Amino acid sequence: QVQLVESGGGLVQPGGSLRLSCVASGFTFRTYFMSWYRQAPGQERELVAGITDTGGRTDYADSVKGRFTISRDNVKNTLYLQMNNLKPEDTAVYYCKVTLLHGNYWGQGTQVTVSS
């Protein structure tokens, strides 16, 4: 079955960095577009970044451009999100997502808290 398992979240001070990972299984990871979303308390889930199957193209929300970098390792079946210069408004649960022929799949999420 399809599984997406995120890790790497935590508590960090403003200006700090974190790297999130999402290990995928149950589908041919290297052939699918992957994305990161986040959801802050009381807010809707929003797209943070996406990456094509080969990693040749990436897209970012305006709010994270220049600070976050999405990447993937198609040998390790792992998606990454490098987050630099974190701000309190980046506080949220971060999810990875894949859209397969039969639907969307999400991980369980990893909490990122940016606070002094």
PDB file of N, CA and C in Angstrom:
ATOM      1  N   GLN A   1       0.828  -1.171   0.000  1.00  0.00           N
ATOM      2  CA  GLN A   1       0.000   0.000   0.000  1.00  0.00           C
ATOM      3  C   GLN A   1       0.880   1.245   0.000  1.00  0.00           C
ATOM      4  N   VAL A   2       0.291   2.344  -0.443  1.00  0.00           N
ATOM      5  CA  VAL A   2       1.032   3.599  -0.521  1.00  0.00           C
ATOM      6  C   VAL A   2       1.291   4.129   0.888  1.00  0.00           C
ATOM      7  N   GLN A   3       2.538   4.492   1.136  1.00  0.00           N
ATOM      8  CA  GLN A   3       2.892   5.099   2.415  1.00  0.00           C
ATOM      9  C   GLN A   3       3.807   6.286   2.173  1.00  0.00           C
ATOM     10  N   LEU A   4       3.542   7.356   2.906  1.00  0.00           N
ATOM     11  CA  LEU A   4       4.393   8.543   2.927  1.00  0.00           C
ATOM     12  C   LEU A   4       4.667   8.847   4.390  1.00  0.00           C
ATOM     13  N   VAL A   5       5.942   8.873   4.763  1.00  0.00           N
ATOM     14  CA  VAL A   5       6.305   9.068   6.165  1.00  0.00           C
ATOM     15  C   VAL A   5       7.233  10.271   6.280  1.00  0.00           C
ATOM     16  N   GLU A   6       6.719  11.348   6.882  1.00  0.00           N
ATOM     17  CA  GLU A   6       7.512  12.563   7.056  1.00  0.00           C
ATOM     18  C   GLU A   6       8.296  12.529   8.365  1.00  0.00           C
ATOM     19  N   SER A   7       9.399  13.249   8.382  1.00  0.00           N
ATOM     20  CA  SER A   7      10.194  13.416   9.594  1.00  0.00           C
ATOM     21  C   SER A   7      11.010  14.691   9.463  1.00  0.00           C
ATOM     22  N   GLY A   8      11.631  15.096  10.571  1.00  0.00           N
ATOM     23  CA  GLY A   8      12.524  16.236  10.533  1.00  0.00           C
ATOM     24  C   GLY A   8      11.990  17.511  11.130  1.00  0.00           C
ATOM     25  N   GLY A   9      10.730  17.510  11.527  1.00  0.00           N
ATOM     26  CA  GLY A   9      10.181  18.705  12.138  1.00  0.00           C
ATOM     27  C   GLY A   9      10.723  18.918  13.541  1.00  0.00           C
ATOM     28  N   GLY A  10      10.349  20.068  14.107  1.00  0.00           N
ATOM     29  CA  GLY A  10      10.790  20.374  15.461  1.00  0.00           C
ATOM     30  C   GLY A  10      10.602  21.826  15.795  1.00  0.00           C
ATOM     31  N   LEU A  11      11.191  22.229  16.915  1.00  0.00           N
ATOM     32  CA  LEU A  11      11.153  23.606  17.378  1.00  0.00           C
ATOM     33  C   LEU A  11      12.450  24.294  16.989  1.00  0.00           C
ATOM     34  N   VAL A  12      12.343  25.446  16.346  1.00  0.00           N
ATOM     35  CA  VAL A  12      13.523  26.176  15.909  1.00  0.00           C
ATOM     36  C   VAL A  12      13.290  27.669  16.118  1.00  0.00           C
ATOM     37  N   GLN A  13      14.356  28.399  16.376  1.00  0.00           N
ATOM     38  CA  GLN A  13      14.251  29.838  16.556  1.00  0.00           C
ATOM     39  C   GLN A  13      14.121  30.539  15.204  1.00  0.00           C
ATOM     40  N   PRO A  14      13.523  31.718  15.201  1.00  0.00           N
ATOM     41  CA  PRO A  14      13.470  32.491  13.951  1.00  0.00           C
ATOM     42  C   PRO A  14      14.865  32.660  13.362  1.00  0.00           C
ATOM     43  N   GLY A  15      14.954  32.490  12.056  1.00  0.00           N
ATOM     44  CA  GLY A  15      16.226  32.543  11.353  1.00  0.00           C
ATOM     45  C   GLY A  15      16.929  31.212  11.244  1.00  0.00           C
ATOM     46  N   GLY A  16      16.416  30.211  11.920  1.00  0.00           N
ATOM     47  CA  GLY A  16      17.023  28.896  11.895  1.00  0.00           C
ATOM     48  C   GLY A  16      16.635  28.083  10.676  1.00  0.00           C
ATOM     49  N   SER A  17      17.122  26.836  10.645  1.00  0.00           N
ATOM     50  CA  SER A  17      16.901  25.949   9.509  1.00  0.00           C
ATOM     51  C   SER A  17      16.435  24.577   9.973  1.00  0.00           C
ATOM     52  N   LEU A  18      15.702  23.928   9.103  1.00  0.00           N
ATOM     53  CA  LEU A  18      15.302  22.525   9.287  1.00  0.00           C
ATOM     54  C   LEU A  18      15.270  21.865   7.924  1.00  0.00           C
ATOM     55  N   ARG A  19      15.487  20.550   7.904  1.00  0.00           N
ATOM     56  CA  ARG A  19      15.301  19.783   6.670  1.00  0.00           C
ATOM     57  C   ARG A  19      14.293  18.687   6.941  1.00  0.00           C
ATOM     58  N   LEU A  20      13.201  18.738   6.198  1.00  0.00           N
ATOM     59  CA  LEU A  20      12.176  17.712   6.292  1.00  0.00           C
ATOM     60  C   LEU A  20      12.446  16.611   5.270  1.00  0.00           C
ATOM     61  N   SER A  21      12.072  15.390   5.646  1.00  0.00           N
ATOM     62  CA  SER A  21      12.182  14.247   4.739  1.00  0.00           C
ATOM     63  C   SER A  21      10.834  13.558   4.645  1.00  0.00           C
ATOM     64  N   CYS A  22      10.594  12.935   3.512  1.00  0.00           N
ATOM     65  CA  CYS A  22       9.372  12.145   3.287  1.00  0.00           C
ATOM     66  C   CYS A  22       9.788  10.885   2.545  1.00  0.00           C
ATOM     67  N   VAL A  23       9.724   9.754   3.233  1.00  0.00           N
ATOM     68  CA  VAL A  23      10.079   8.477   2.621  1.00  0.00           C
ATOM     69  C   VAL A  23       8.824   7.847   2.036  1.00  0.00           C
ATOM     70  N   ALA A  24       8.897   7.500   0.758  1.00  0.00           N
ATOM     71  CA  ALA A  24       7.736   6.979   0.042  1.00  0.00           C
ATOM     72  C   ALA A  24       7.886   5.490  -0.241  1.00  0.00           C
ATOM     73  N   SER A  25       6.762   4.785  -0.260  1.00  0.00           N
ATOM     74  CA  SER A  25       6.749   3.371  -0.625  1.00  0.00           C
ATOM     75  C   SER A  25       5.376   3.014  -1.179  1.00  0.00           C
ATOM     76  N   GLY A  26       5.326   1.888  -1.893  1.00  0.00           N
ATOM     77  CA  GLY A  26       4.059   1.409  -2.415  1.00  0.00           C
ATOM     78  C   GLY A  26       3.678   1.918  -3.787  1.00  0.00           C
ATOM     79  N   PHE A  27       4.544   2.724  -4.380  1.00  0.00           N
ATOM     80  CA  PHE A  27       4.324   3.195  -5.746  1.00  0.00           C
ATOM     81  C   PHE A  27       5.696   3.519  -6.345  1.00  0.00           C
ATOM     82  N   THR A  28       5.718   3.742  -7.646  1.00  0.00           N
ATOM     83  CA  THR A  28       6.982   4.001  -8.349  1.00  0.00           C
ATOM     84  C   THR A  28       7.329   5.469  -8.192  1.00  0.00           C
ATOM     85  N   PHE A  29       8.004   5.763  -7.106  1.00  0.00           N
ATOM     86  CA  PHE A  29       8.281   7.141  -6.687  1.00  0.00           C
ATOM     87  C   PHE A  29       8.887   7.973  -7.812  1.00  0.00           C
ATOM     88  N   ARG A  30       9.829   7.383  -8.554  1.00  0.00           N
ATOM     89  CA  ARG A  30      10.612   8.162  -9.525  1.00  0.00           C
ATOM     90  C   ARG A  30       9.788   8.668 -10.693  1.00  0.00           C
ATOM     91  N   THR A  31       8.545   8.207 -10.816  1.00  0.00           N
ATOM     92  CA  THR A  31       7.719   8.600 -11.970  1.00  0.00           C
ATOM     93  C   THR A  31       6.626   9.603 -11.628  1.00  0.00           C
ATOM     94  N   TYR A  32       6.610  10.084 -10.379  1.00  0.00           N
ATOM     95  CA  TYR A  32       5.521  10.956  -9.967  1.00  0.00           C
ATOM     96  C   TYR A  32       5.983  12.313  -9.468  1.00  0.00           C
ATOM     97  N   PHE A  33       5.214  13.321  -9.825  1.00  0.00           N
ATOM     98  CA  PHE A  33       5.329  14.652  -9.240  1.00  0.00           C
ATOM     99  C   PHE A  33       5.032  14.544  -7.745  1.00  0.00           C
ATOM    100  N   MET A  34       5.831  15.249  -6.946  1.00  0.00           N
ATOM    101  CA  MET A  34       5.654  15.248  -5.496  1.00  0.00           C
ATOM    102  C   MET A  34       5.540  16.676  -4.993  1.00  0.00           C
ATOM    103  N   SER A  35       4.889  16.837  -3.847  1.00  0.00           N
ATOM    104  CA  SER A  35       4.734  18.187  -3.315  1.00  0.00           C
ATOM    105  C   SER A  35       4.722  18.180  -1.791  1.00  0.00           C
ATOM    106  N   TRP A  36       5.002  19.361  -1.249  1.00  0.00           N
ATOM    107  CA  TRP A  36       4.895  19.631   0.182  1.00  0.00           C
ATOM    108  C   TRP A  36       3.758  20.635   0.392  1.00  0.00           C
ATOM    109  N   TYR A  37       2.947  20.364   1.395  1.00  0.00           N
ATOM    110  CA  TYR A  37       1.910  21.272   1.837  1.00  0.00           C
ATOM    111  C   TYR A  37       2.123  21.568   3.315  1.00  0.00           C
ATOM    112  N   ARG A  38       1.437  22.588   3.800  1.00  0.00           N
ATOM    113  CA  ARG A  38       1.453  22.873   5.229  1.00  0.00           C
ATOM    114  C   ARG A  38       0.084  23.382   5.671  1.00  0.00           C
ATOM    115  N   GLN A  39      -0.191  23.159   6.950  1.00  0.00           N
ATOM    116  CA  GLN A  39      -1.451  23.618   7.517  1.00  0.00           C
ATOM    117  C   GLN A  39      -1.196  24.181   8.906  1.00  0.00           C
ATOM    118  N   ALA A  40      -1.482  25.466   9.050  1.00  0.00           N
ATOM    119  CA  ALA A  40      -1.363  26.133  10.340  1.00  0.00           C
ATOM    120  C   ALA A  40      -2.698  26.036  11.071  1.00  0.00           C
ATOM    121  N   PRO A  41      -2.696  26.159  12.389  1.00  0.00           N
ATOM    122  CA  PRO A  41      -3.944  26.065  13.149  1.00  0.00           C
ATOM    123  C   PRO A  41      -4.989  27.060  12.656  1.00  0.00           C
ATOM    124  N   GLY A  42      -6.182  26.552  12.404  1.00  0.00           N
ATOM    125  CA  GLY A  42      -7.278  27.404  11.974  1.00  0.00           C
ATOM    126  C   GLY A  42      -7.214  27.854  10.536  1.00  0.00           C
ATOM    127  N   GLN A  43      -6.253  27.346   9.798  1.00  0.00           N
ATOM    128  CA  GLN A  43      -6.106  27.742   8.396  1.00  0.00           C
ATOM    129  C   GLN A  43      -6.233  26.545   7.477  1.00  0.00           C
ATOM    130  N   GLU A  44      -6.477  26.828   6.204  1.00  0.00           N
ATOM    131  CA  GLU A  44      -6.564  25.754   5.219  1.00  0.00           C
ATOM    132  C   GLU A  44      -5.162  25.251   4.862  1.00  0.00           C
ATOM    133  N   ARG A  45      -5.110  24.010   4.420  1.00  0.00           N
ATOM    134  CA  ARG A  45      -3.849  23.443   3.960  1.00  0.00           C
ATOM    135  C   ARG A  45      -3.429  24.178   2.686  1.00  0.00           C
ATOM    136  N   GLU A  46      -2.153  24.547   2.592  1.00  0.00           N
ATOM    137  CA  GLU A  46      -1.662  25.290   1.437  1.00  0.00           C
ATOM    138  C   GLU A  46      -0.437  24.617   0.830  1.00  0.00           C
ATOM    139  N   LEU A  47      -0.323  24.794  -0.490  1.00  0.00           N
ATOM    140  CA  LEU A  47       0.817  24.252  -1.218  1.00  0.00           C
ATOM    141  C   LEU A  47       2.063  25.079  -0.895  1.00  0.00           C
ATOM    142  N   VAL A  48       3.143  24.392  -0.568  1.00  0.00           N
ATOM    143  CA  VAL A  48       4.414  25.051  -0.278  1.00  0.00           C
ATOM    144  C   VAL A  48       5.370  24.944  -1.467  1.00  0.00           C
ATOM    145  N   ALA A  49       5.519  23.723  -2.005  1.00  0.00           N
ATOM    146  CA  ALA A  49       6.466  23.514  -3.098  1.00  0.00           C
ATOM    147  C   ALA A  49       6.142  22.217  -3.810  1.00  0.00           C
ATOM    148  N   GLY A  50       6.528  22.147  -5.093  1.00  0.00           N
ATOM    149  CA  GLY A  50       6.336  20.941  -5.875  1.00  0.00           C
ATOM    150  C   GLY A  50       7.560  20.660  -6.726  1.00  0.00           C
ATOM    151  N   ILE A  51       7.712  19.400  -7.120  1.00  0.00           N
ATOM    152  CA  ILE A  51       8.881  19.000  -7.907  1.00  0.00           C
ATOM    153  C   ILE A  51       8.471  17.913  -8.884  1.00  0.00           C
ATOM    154  N   THR A  52       8.965  18.024 -10.113  1.00  0.00           N
ATOM    155  CA  THR A  52       8.639  17.032 -11.131  1.00  0.00           C
ATOM    156  C   THR A  52       9.339  15.706 -10.858  1.00  0.00           C
ATOM    157  N   ASP A  53       8.970  14.686 -11.638  1.00  0.00           N
ATOM    158  CA  ASP A  53       9.465  13.334 -11.373  1.00  0.00           C
ATOM    159  C   ASP A  53      10.979  13.228 -11.410  1.00  0.00           C
ATOM    160  N   THR A  54      11.609  13.947 -12.340  1.00  0.00           N
ATOM    161  CA  THR A  54      13.070  13.882 -12.441  1.00  0.00           C
ATOM    162  C   THR A  54      13.771  14.919 -11.578  1.00  0.00           C
ATOM    163  N   GLY A  55      12.989  15.825 -10.999  1.00  0.00           N
ATOM    164  CA  GLY A  55      13.587  16.922 -10.240  1.00  0.00           C
ATOM    165  C   GLY A  55      14.006  18.089 -11.096  1.00  0.00           C
ATOM    166  N   GLY A  56      13.668  18.023 -12.385  1.00  0.00           N
ATOM    167  CA  GLY A  56      14.120  19.057 -13.291  1.00  0.00           C
ATOM    168  C   GLY A  56      13.405  20.381 -13.171  1.00  0.00           C
ATOM    169  N   ARG A  57      12.222  20.354 -12.555  1.00  0.00           N
ATOM    170  CA  ARG A  57      11.484  21.604 -12.373  1.00  0.00           C
ATOM    171  C   ARG A  57      10.901  21.645 -10.975  1.00  0.00           C
ATOM    172  N   THR A  58      10.993  22.805 -10.362  1.00  0.00           N
ATOM    173  CA  THR A  58      10.425  23.029  -9.040  1.00  0.00           C
ATOM    174  C   THR A  58       9.594  24.303  -9.047  1.00  0.00           C
ATOM    175  N   ASP A  59       8.613  24.351  -8.167  1.00  0.00           N
ATOM    176  CA  ASP A  59       7.780  25.540  -8.008  1.00  0.00           C
ATOM    177  C   ASP A  59       7.556  25.779  -6.520  1.00  0.00           C
ATOM    178  N   TYR A  60       7.403  27.058  -6.166  1.00  0.00           N
ATOM    179  CA  TYR A  60       7.277  27.434  -4.761  1.00  0.00           C
ATOM    180  C   TYR A  60       6.165  28.453  -4.556  1.00  0.00           C
ATOM    181  N   ALA A  61       5.566  28.402  -3.384  1.00  0.00           N
ATOM    182  CA  ALA A  61       4.673  29.485  -2.975  1.00  0.00           C
ATOM    183  C   ALA A  61       5.498  30.753  -2.809  1.00  0.00           C
ATOM    184  N   ASP A  62       4.889  31.882  -3.107  1.00  0.00           N
ATOM    185  CA  ASP A  62       5.608  33.152  -3.007  1.00  0.00           C
ATOM    186  C   ASP A  62       6.168  33.369  -1.600  1.00  0.00           C
ATOM    187  N   SER A  63       5.461  32.868  -0.606  1.00  0.00           N
ATOM    188  CA  SER A  63       5.857  33.117   0.784  1.00  0.00           C
ATOM    189  C   SER A  63       7.143  32.408   1.186  1.00  0.00           C
ATOM    190  N   VAL A  64       7.568  31.412   0.401  1.00  0.00           N
ATOM    191  CA  VAL A  64       8.775  30.654   0.779  1.00  0.00           C
ATOM    192  C   VAL A  64       9.884  30.752  -0.266  1.00  0.00           C
ATOM    193  N   LYS A  65       9.628  31.425  -1.375  1.00  0.00           N
ATOM    194  CA  LYS A  65      10.647  31.538  -2.425  1.00  0.00           C
ATOM    195  C   LYS A  65      11.915  32.173  -1.878  1.00  0.00           C
ATOM    196  N   GLY A  66      13.050  31.572  -2.225  1.00  0.00           N
ATOM    197  CA  GLY A  66      14.334  32.087  -1.773  1.00  0.00           C
ATOM    198  C   GLY A  66      14.748  31.578  -0.405  1.00  0.00           C
ATOM    199  N   ARG A  67      13.833  30.922   0.307  1.00  0.00           N
ATOM    200  CA  ARG A  67      14.144  30.399   1.648  1.00  0.00           C
ATOM    201  C   ARG A  67      14.060  28.878   1.704  1.00  0.00           C
ATOM    202  N   PHE A  68      13.125  28.293   0.959  1.00  0.00           N
ATOM    203  CA  PHE A  68      12.911  26.844   0.976  1.00  0.00           C
ATOM    204  C   PHE A  68      13.406  26.238  -0.340  1.00  0.00           C
ATOM    205  N   THR A  69      13.893  24.996  -0.260  1.00  0.00           N
ATOM    206  CA  THR A  69      14.318  24.258  -1.441  1.00  0.00           C
ATOM    207  C   THR A  69      13.764  22.843  -1.377  1.00  0.00           C
ATOM    208  N   ILE A  70      13.008  22.477  -2.408  1.00  0.00           N
ATOM    209  CA  ILE A  70      12.491  21.112  -2.511  1.00  0.00           C
ATOM    210  C   ILE A  70      13.449  20.302  -3.376  1.00  0.00           C
ATOM    211  N   SER A  71      13.653  19.049  -3.005  1.00  0.00           N
ATOM    212  CA  SER A  71      14.519  18.161  -3.791  1.00  0.00           C
ATOM    213  C   SER A  71      14.065  16.729  -3.566  1.00  0.00           C
ATOM    214  N   ARG A  72      14.646  15.821  -4.333  1.00  0.00           N
ATOM    215  CA  ARG A  72      14.274  14.414  -4.208  1.00  0.00           C
ATOM    216  C   ARG A  72      15.452  13.526  -4.551  1.00  0.00           C
ATOM    217  N   ASP A  73      15.417  12.326  -3.983  1.00  0.00           N
ATOM    218  CA  ASP A  73      16.407  11.293  -4.280  1.00  0.00           C
ATOM    219  C   ASP A  73      15.614  10.084  -4.765  1.00  0.00           C
ATOM    220  N   ASN A  74      15.638   9.861  -6.068  1.00  0.00           N
ATOM    221  CA  ASN A  74      14.826   8.785  -6.643  1.00  0.00           C
ATOM    222  C   ASN A  74      15.424   7.402  -6.419  1.00  0.00           C
ATOM    223  N   VAL A  75      16.624   7.325  -5.888  1.00  0.00           N
ATOM    224  CA  VAL A  75      17.201   6.037  -5.493  1.00  0.00           C
ATOM    225  C   VAL A  75      16.713   5.675  -4.086  1.00  0.00           C
ATOM    226  N   LYS A  76      16.663   6.675  -3.220  1.00  0.00           N
ATOM    227  CA  LYS A  76      16.224   6.460  -1.840  1.00  0.00           C
ATOM    228  C   LYS A  76      14.713   6.609  -1.662  1.00  0.00           C
ATOM    229  N   ASN A  77      14.003   6.946  -2.746  1.00  0.00           N
ATOM    230  CA  ASN A  77      12.547   7.170  -2.661  1.00  0.00           C
ATOM    231  C   ASN A  77      12.200   8.195  -1.584  1.00  0.00           C
ATOM    232  N   THR A  78      12.944   9.268  -1.574  1.00  0.00           N
ATOM    233  CA  THR A  78      12.784  10.262  -0.520  1.00  0.00           C
ATOM    234  C   THR A  78      12.649  11.665  -1.102  1.00  0.00           C
ATOM    235  N   LEU A  79      11.702  12.394  -0.546  1.00  0.00           N
ATOM    236  CA  LEU A  79      11.471  13.796  -0.877  1.00  0.00           C
ATOM    237  C   LEU A  79      11.992  14.642   0.279  1.00  0.00           C
ATOM    238  N   TYR A  80      12.577  15.795  -0.048  1.00  0.00           N
ATOM    239  CA  TYR A  80      13.147  16.669   0.978  1.00  0.00           C
ATOM    240  C   TYR A  80      12.578  18.080   0.858  1.00  0.00           C
ATOM    241  N   LEU A  81      12.618  18.783   1.985  1.00  0.00           N
ATOM    242  CA  LEU A  81      12.333  20.213   1.991  1.00  0.00           C
ATOM    243  C   LEU A  81      13.331  20.877   2.929  1.00  0.00           C
ATOM    244  N   GLN A  82      14.286  21.592   2.337  1.00  0.00           N
ATOM    245  CA  GLN A  82      15.248  22.357   3.113  1.00  0.00           C
ATOM    246  C   GLN A  82      14.642  23.722   3.394  1.00  0.00           C
ATOM    247  N   MET A  83      14.533  24.064   4.659  1.00  0.00           N
ATOM    248  CA  MET A  83      13.894  25.324   5.056  1.00  0.00           C
ATOM    249  C   MET A  83      14.918  26.188   5.795  1.00  0.00           C
ATOM    250  N   ASN A  84      15.239  27.327   5.226  1.00  0.00           N
ATOM    251  CA  ASN A  84      16.199  28.255   5.818  1.00  0.00           C
ATOM    252  C   ASN A  84      15.500  29.557   6.188  1.00  0.00           C
ATOM    253  N   ASN A  85      16.146  30.325   7.049  1.00  0.00           N
ATOM    254  CA  ASN A  85      15.623  31.620   7.472  1.00  0.00           C
ATOM    255  C   ASN A  85      14.148  31.505   7.884  1.00  0.00           C
ATOM    256  N   LEU A  86      13.885  30.553   8.743  1.00  0.00           N
ATOM    257  CA  LEU A  86      12.507  30.296   9.145  1.00  0.00           C
ATOM    258  C   LEU A  86      11.919  31.459   9.919  1.00  0.00           C
ATOM    259  N   LYS A  87      10.616  31.663   9.719  1.00  0.00           N
ATOM    260  CA  LYS A  87       9.873  32.742  10.360  1.00  0.00           C
ATOM    261  C   LYS A  87       8.740  32.162  11.196  1.00  0.00           C
ATOM    262  N   PRO A  88       8.268  32.906  12.178  1.00  0.00           N
ATOM    263  CA  PRO A  88       7.148  32.391  12.995  1.00  0.00           C
ATOM    264  C   PRO A  88       5.940  31.993  12.140  1.00  0.00           C
ATOM    265  N   GLU A  89       5.712  32.692  11.046  1.00  0.00           N
ATOM    266  CA  GLU A  89       4.572  32.367  10.186  1.00  0.00           C
ATOM    267  C   GLU A  89       4.756  31.075   9.408  1.00  0.00           C
ATOM    268  N   ASP A  90       5.922  30.451   9.486  1.00  0.00           N
ATOM    269  CA  ASP A  90       6.131  29.137   8.879  1.00  0.00           C
ATOM    270  C   ASP A  90       5.665  28.018   9.808  1.00  0.00           C
ATOM    271  N   THR A  91       5.258  28.352  11.015  1.00  0.00           N
ATOM    272  CA  THR A  91       4.779  27.350  11.961  1.00  0.00           C
ATOM    273  C   THR A  91       3.542  26.655  11.405  1.00  0.00           C
ATOM    274  N   ALA A  92       3.613  25.329  11.306  1.00  0.00           N
ATOM    275  CA  ALA A  92       2.522  24.547  10.721  1.00  0.00           C
ATOM    276  C   ALA A  92       2.883  23.068  10.799  1.00  0.00           C
ATOM    277  N   VAL A  93       1.910  22.241  10.463  1.00  0.00           N
ATOM    278  CA  VAL A  93       2.193  20.834  10.204  1.00  0.00           C
ATOM    279  C   VAL A  93       2.469  20.713   8.708  1.00  0.00           C
ATOM    280  N   TYR A  94       3.578  20.078   8.385  1.00  0.00           N
ATOM    281  CA  TYR A  94       4.001  19.933   6.996  1.00  0.00           C
ATOM    282  C   TYR A  94       3.724  18.498   6.520  1.00  0.00           C
ATOM    283  N   TYR A  95       3.140  18.412   5.326  1.00  0.00           N
ATOM    284  CA  TYR A  95       2.740  17.125   4.748  1.00  0.00           C
ATOM    285  C   TYR A  95       3.363  16.965   3.359  1.00  0.00           C
ATOM    286  N   CYS A  96       3.741  15.749   3.011  1.00  0.00           N
ATOM    287  CA  CYS A  96       4.056  15.466   1.624  1.00  0.00           C
ATOM    288  C   CYS A  96       2.844  14.786   0.981  1.00  0.00           C
ATOM    289  N   LYS A  97       2.775  14.948  -0.323  1.00  0.00           N
ATOM    290  CA  LYS A  97       1.593  14.485  -1.056  1.00  0.00           C
ATOM    291  C   LYS A  97       1.996  13.939  -2.414  1.00  0.00           C
ATOM    292  N   VAL A  98       1.282  12.891  -2.830  1.00  0.00           N
ATOM    293  CA  VAL A  98       1.405  12.385  -4.190  1.00  0.00           C
ATOM    294  C   VAL A  98      -0.003  12.152  -4.746  1.00  0.00           C
ATOM    295  N   THR A  99      -0.165  12.436  -6.010  1.00  0.00           N
ATOM    296  CA  THR A  99      -1.427  12.166  -6.689  1.00  0.00           C
ATOM    297  C   THR A  99      -1.225  11.003  -7.650  1.00  0.00           C
ATOM    298  N   LEU A 100      -1.876   9.895  -7.347  1.00  0.00           N
ATOM    299  CA  LEU A 100      -1.811   8.720  -8.208  1.00  0.00           C
ATOM    300  C   LEU A 100      -3.105   8.632  -9.027  1.00  0.00           C
ATOM    301  N   LEU A 101      -3.183   7.634  -9.895  1.00  0.00           N
ATOM    302  CA  LEU A 101      -4.362   7.488 -10.751  1.00  0.00           C
ATOM    303  C   LEU A 101      -5.641   7.368  -9.924  1.00  0.00           C
ATOM    304  N   HIS A 102      -5.544   6.734  -8.759  1.00  0.00           N
ATOM    305  CA  HIS A 102      -6.728   6.456  -7.967  1.00  0.00           C
ATOM    306  C   HIS A 102      -6.903   7.392  -6.790  1.00  0.00           C
ATOM    307  N   GLY A 103      -6.158   8.487  -6.766  1.00  0.00           N
ATOM    308  CA  GLY A 103      -6.418   9.457  -5.712  1.00  0.00           C
ATOM    309  C   GLY A 103      -5.182  10.105  -5.136  1.00  0.00           C
ATOM    310  N   ASN A 104      -5.423  11.003  -4.176  1.00  0.00           N
ATOM    311  CA  ASN A 104      -4.346  11.702  -3.478  1.00  0.00           C
ATOM    312  C   ASN A 104      -3.946  10.928  -2.228  1.00  0.00           C
ATOM    313  N   TYR A 105      -2.655  10.938  -1.952  1.00  0.00           N
ATOM    314  CA  TYR A 105      -2.143  10.307  -0.744  1.00  0.00           C
ATOM    315  C   TYR A 105      -1.303  11.312   0.026  1.00  0.00           C
ATOM    316  N   TRP A 106      -1.487  11.290   1.351  1.00  0.00           N
ATOM    317  CA  TRP A 106      -0.794  12.206   2.232  1.00  0.00           C
ATOM    318  C   TRP A 106      -0.051  11.431   3.312  1.00  0.00           C
ATOM    319  N   GLY A 107       1.029  12.022   3.796  1.00  0.00           N
ATOM    320  CA  GLY A 107       1.670  11.489   4.977  1.00  0.00           C
ATOM    321  C   GLY A 107       0.924  11.926   6.224  1.00  0.00           C
ATOM    322  N   GLN A 108       1.476  11.543   7.379  1.00  0.00           N
ATOM    323  CA  GLN A 108       0.827  11.875   8.653  1.00  0.00           C
ATOM    324  C   GLN A 108       1.180  13.283   9.111  1.00  0.00           C
ATOM    325  N   GLY A 109       2.197  13.865   8.496  1.00  0.00           N
ATOM    326  CA  GLY A 109       2.597  15.223   8.828  1.00  0.00           C
ATOM    327  C   GLY A 109       3.698  15.283   9.877  1.00  0.00           C
ATOM    328  N   THR A 110       4.450  16.384   9.843  1.00  0.00           N
ATOM    329  CA  THR A 110       5.475  16.635  10.846  1.00  0.00           C
ATOM    330  C   THR A 110       5.354  18.097  11.281  1.00  0.00           C
ATOM    331  N   GLN A 111       5.381  18.321  12.580  1.00  0.00           N
ATOM    332  CA  GLN A 111       5.152  19.652  13.130  1.00  0.00           C
ATOM    333  C   GLN A 111       6.428  20.492  13.068  1.00  0.00           C
ATOM    334  N   VAL A 112       6.295  21.692  12.546  1.00  0.00           N
ATOM    335  CA  VAL A 112       7.371  22.680  12.554  1.00  0.00           C
ATOM    336  C   VAL A 112       6.892  23.878  13.361  1.00  0.00           C
ATOM    337  N   THR A 113       7.651  24.228  14.388  1.00  0.00           N
ATOM    338  CA  THR A 113       7.318  25.374  15.226  1.00  0.00           C
ATOM    339  C   THR A 113       8.494  26.328  15.236  1.00  0.00           C
ATOM    340  N   VAL A 114       8.234  27.573  14.836  1.00  0.00           N
ATOM    341  CA  VAL A 114       9.277  28.597  14.799  1.00  0.00           C
ATOM    342  C   VAL A 114       8.943  29.625  15.878  1.00  0.00           C
ATOM    343  N   SER A 115       9.774  29.651  16.904  1.00  0.00           N
ATOM    344  CA  SER A 115       9.491  30.516  18.041  1.00  0.00           C
ATOM    345  C   SER A 115      10.759  30.777  18.829  1.00  0.00           C
ATOM    346  N   SER A 116      10.841  31.977  19.402  1.00  0.00           N
ATOM    347  CA  SER A 116      11.972  32.301  20.259  1.00  0.00           C
ATOM    348  C   SER A 116      11.635  31.999  21.718  1.00  0.00           C
TER     349      SER A 116
END
